[in-house]
């Protein structure tokens, strides 16, 4: 994906980015997260934990930090295996966007 396409997607409204995320995940049947040898990257604090996911590797790469690397998650595994692990604690899922002006963030939460 080229830089102008990334910028066009980043500049969509939150609702449009959400729609883009849903379409891409539906089409390719995968989501992308950041993972290291100890597990998935999570953000937040004791009151709110965020598990960031993206529709495409390129977006995850823009947001990677420390030793975390983009990792593909098959949609079936995401829904059936990974999400149930997070149901014991309230989690929000920032999805599908990168704000290039603020390094890495998302304002679409599910």
C-alpha atoms as a PDB file:
ATOM      1  CA  UNK A   1       0.000   0.000   0.000  1.00  0.00           C
ATOM      2  CA  UNK A   2       1.465   3.368  -0.954  1.00  0.00           C
ATOM      3  CA  UNK A   3       1.710   6.414   1.324  1.00  0.00           C
ATOM      4  CA  UNK A   4      -1.021   8.398  -0.430  1.00  0.00           C
ATOM      5  CA  UNK A   5      -3.487   5.517   0.010  1.00  0.00           C
ATOM      6  CA  UNK A   6      -2.587   5.283   3.698  1.00  0.00           C
ATOM      7  CA  UNK A   7      -3.113   9.045   4.115  1.00  0.00           C
ATOM      8  CA  UNK A   8      -6.467   8.857   2.321  1.00  0.00           C
ATOM      9  CA  UNK A   9      -7.646   6.128   4.681  1.00  0.00           C
ATOM     10  CA  UNK A  10      -6.301   7.906   7.770  1.00  0.00           C
ATOM     11  CA  UNK A  11      -8.192  11.053   6.759  1.00  0.00           C
ATOM     12  CA  UNK A  12     -11.559   9.268   6.649  1.00  0.00           C
ATOM     13  CA  UNK A  13     -14.008   9.995   9.447  1.00  0.00           C
ATOM     14  CA  UNK A  14     -14.122   7.540  12.343  1.00  0.00           C
ATOM     15  CA  UNK A  15     -17.308   5.967  10.958  1.00  0.00           C
ATOM     16  CA  UNK A  16     -15.766   5.625   7.494  1.00  0.00           C
ATOM     17  CA  UNK A  17     -12.588   4.042   8.932  1.00  0.00           C
ATOM     18  CA  UNK A  18     -14.758   1.617  10.885  1.00  0.00           C
ATOM     19  CA  UNK A  19     -16.566   0.658   7.673  1.00  0.00           C
ATOM     20  CA  UNK A  20     -13.238   0.269   5.886  1.00  0.00           C
ATOM     21  CA  UNK A  21     -11.985  -1.965   8.714  1.00  0.00           C
ATOM     22  CA  UNK A  22     -15.091  -4.180   8.567  1.00  0.00           C
ATOM     23  CA  UNK A  23     -14.906  -4.520   4.764  1.00  0.00           C
ATOM     24  CA  UNK A  24     -11.198  -5.415   4.756  1.00  0.00           C
ATOM     25  CA  UNK A  25     -11.477  -7.868   7.634  1.00  0.00           C
ATOM     26  CA  UNK A  26     -14.487  -9.481   5.948  1.00  0.00           C
ATOM     27  CA  UNK A  27     -12.685  -9.695   2.603  1.00  0.00           C
ATOM     28  CA  UNK A  28      -9.394 -11.102   3.905  1.00  0.00           C
ATOM     29  CA  UNK A  29     -10.724 -12.899   7.015  1.00  0.00           C
ATOM     30  CA  UNK A  30      -7.891 -11.679   9.233  1.00  0.00           C
ATOM     31  CA  UNK A  31      -7.034  -8.883  11.632  1.00  0.00           C
ATOM     32  CA  UNK A  32      -3.593  -7.642  12.612  1.00  0.00           C
ATOM     33  CA  UNK A  33      -2.280  -7.108  16.117  1.00  0.00           C
ATOM     34  CA  UNK A  34       1.111  -6.453  17.669  1.00  0.00           C
ATOM     35  CA  UNK A  35       2.800  -9.341  19.419  1.00  0.00           C
ATOM     36  CA  UNK A  36       6.115 -10.177  21.048  1.00  0.00           C
ATOM     37  CA  UNK A  37       7.419 -13.393  22.618  1.00  0.00           C
ATOM     38  CA  UNK A  38       5.330 -12.761  25.747  1.00  0.00           C
ATOM     39  CA  UNK A  39       2.008 -12.031  24.059  1.00  0.00           C
ATOM     40  CA  UNK A  40      -0.195  -9.388  22.510  1.00  0.00           C
ATOM     41  CA  UNK A  41       0.399  -5.670  22.897  1.00  0.00           C
ATOM     42  CA  UNK A  42      -2.115  -4.025  25.199  1.00  0.00           C
ATOM     43  CA  UNK A  43      -2.430  -0.360  26.084  1.00  0.00           C
ATOM     44  CA  UNK A  44      -4.118   1.520  28.891  1.00  0.00           C
ATOM     45  CA  UNK A  45      -4.275   1.228  32.647  1.00  0.00           C
ATOM     46  CA  UNK A  46      -6.047  -0.809  35.344  1.00  0.00           C
ATOM     47  CA  UNK A  47      -9.392   0.836  34.570  1.00  0.00           C
ATOM     48  CA  UNK A  48      -9.299   0.597  30.796  1.00  0.00           C
ATOM     49  CA  UNK A  49      -7.285  -1.838  28.720  1.00  0.00           C
ATOM     50  CA  UNK A  50      -7.057  -1.471  24.953  1.00  0.00           C
ATOM     51  CA  UNK A  51      -6.225  -4.287  22.563  1.00  0.00           C
ATOM     52  CA  UNK A  52      -5.360  -2.565  19.263  1.00  0.00           C
ATOM     53  CA  UNK A  53      -6.123  -4.345  16.000  1.00  0.00           C
ATOM     54  CA  UNK A  54      -5.869  -3.290  12.366  1.00  0.00           C
ATOM     55  CA  UNK A  55      -7.298  -4.505   9.080  1.00  0.00           C
ATOM     56  CA  UNK A  56      -3.956  -4.526   7.276  1.00  0.00           C
ATOM     57  CA  UNK A  57      -0.323  -5.172   8.099  1.00  0.00           C
ATOM     58  CA  UNK A  58       0.769  -1.741   6.851  1.00  0.00           C
ATOM     59  CA  UNK A  59      -1.281   0.008   9.535  1.00  0.00           C
ATOM     60  CA  UNK A  60       0.020  -2.259  12.281  1.00  0.00           C
ATOM     61  CA  UNK A  61       3.578  -1.564  11.088  1.00  0.00           C
ATOM     62  CA  UNK A  62       3.004   2.185  11.479  1.00  0.00           C
ATOM     63  CA  UNK A  63       2.084   1.628  15.121  1.00  0.00           C
ATOM     64  CA  UNK A  64       4.570  -1.004  16.248  1.00  0.00           C
ATOM     65  CA  UNK A  65       6.692  -0.280  19.281  1.00  0.00           C
ATOM     66  CA  UNK A  66       9.438  -1.890  21.351  1.00  0.00           C
ATOM     67  CA  UNK A  67       9.803  -5.569  20.447  1.00  0.00           C
ATOM     68  CA  UNK A  68       6.232  -5.939  19.196  1.00  0.00           C
ATOM     69  CA  UNK A  69       5.807  -6.932  15.574  1.00  0.00           C
ATOM     70  CA  UNK A  70       2.691  -7.072  13.376  1.00  0.00           C
ATOM     71  CA  UNK A  71       1.070 -10.468  13.576  1.00  0.00           C
ATOM     72  CA  UNK A  72      -1.821 -11.758  11.487  1.00  0.00           C
ATOM     73  CA  UNK A  73      -4.767 -13.284  13.333  1.00  0.00           C
ATOM     74  CA  UNK A  74      -7.183 -15.430  11.309  1.00  0.00           C
ATOM     75  CA  UNK A  75     -10.678 -14.023  11.819  1.00  0.00           C
ATOM     76  CA  UNK A  76     -12.041 -17.337  13.150  1.00  0.00           C
ATOM     77  CA  UNK A  77      -9.238 -17.517  15.736  1.00  0.00           C
ATOM     78  CA  UNK A  78      -9.785 -13.870  16.682  1.00  0.00           C
ATOM     79  CA  UNK A  79     -13.501 -14.403  17.281  1.00  0.00           C
ATOM     80  CA  UNK A  80     -13.466 -17.912  18.742  1.00  0.00           C
ATOM     81  CA  UNK A  81     -10.180 -18.070  20.656  1.00  0.00           C
ATOM     82  CA  UNK A  82      -8.675 -14.661  21.337  1.00  0.00           C
ATOM     83  CA  UNK A  83     -11.688 -12.475  22.142  1.00  0.00           C
ATOM     84  CA  UNK A  84     -13.114 -14.899  24.731  1.00  0.00           C
ATOM     85  CA  UNK A  85      -9.832 -14.645  26.667  1.00  0.00           C
ATOM     86  CA  UNK A  86     -10.476 -10.938  27.097  1.00  0.00           C
ATOM     87  CA  UNK A  87     -14.085 -11.195  28.281  1.00  0.00           C
ATOM     88  CA  UNK A  88     -13.159 -11.616  31.946  1.00  0.00           C
ATOM     89  CA  UNK A  89     -11.952  -7.997  32.022  1.00  0.00           C
ATOM     90  CA  UNK A  90     -13.601  -5.151  30.159  1.00  0.00           C
ATOM     91  CA  UNK A  91     -11.560  -4.367  27.077  1.00  0.00           C
ATOM     92  CA  UNK A  92     -11.970  -1.828  24.326  1.00  0.00           C
ATOM     93  CA  UNK A  93     -10.711  -2.550  20.852  1.00  0.00           C
ATOM     94  CA  UNK A  94      -9.254   0.435  18.982  1.00  0.00           C
ATOM     95  CA  UNK A  95      -9.513  -0.592  15.376  1.00  0.00           C
ATOM     96  CA  UNK A  96      -8.519   0.248  11.901  1.00  0.00           C
ATOM     97  CA  UNK A  97      -6.787   3.601  11.956  1.00  0.00           C
ATOM     98  CA  UNK A  98      -3.557   5.420  12.421  1.00  0.00           C
ATOM     99  CA  UNK A  99      -3.298   9.132  13.035  1.00  0.00           C
ATOM    100  CA  UNK A 100      -0.025  10.050  11.359  1.00  0.00           C
ATOM    101  CA  UNK A 101      -0.019  13.437  13.107  1.00  0.00           C
ATOM    102  CA  UNK A 102      -0.070  11.838  16.563  1.00  0.00           C
ATOM    103  CA  UNK A 103       2.114   8.813  15.756  1.00  0.00           C
ATOM    104  CA  UNK A 104      -0.258   6.026  16.702  1.00  0.00           C
ATOM    105  CA  UNK A 105      -3.825   6.265  17.867  1.00  0.00           C
ATOM    106  CA  UNK A 106      -7.363   5.429  16.993  1.00  0.00           C
ATOM    107  CA  UNK A 107     -10.655   6.997  17.876  1.00  0.00           C
ATOM    108  CA  UNK A 108     -12.811   4.060  16.832  1.00  0.00           C
ATOM    109  CA  UNK A 109     -13.515   1.862  19.842  1.00  0.00           C
ATOM    110  CA  UNK A 110     -15.678  -1.246  19.911  1.00  0.00           C
END
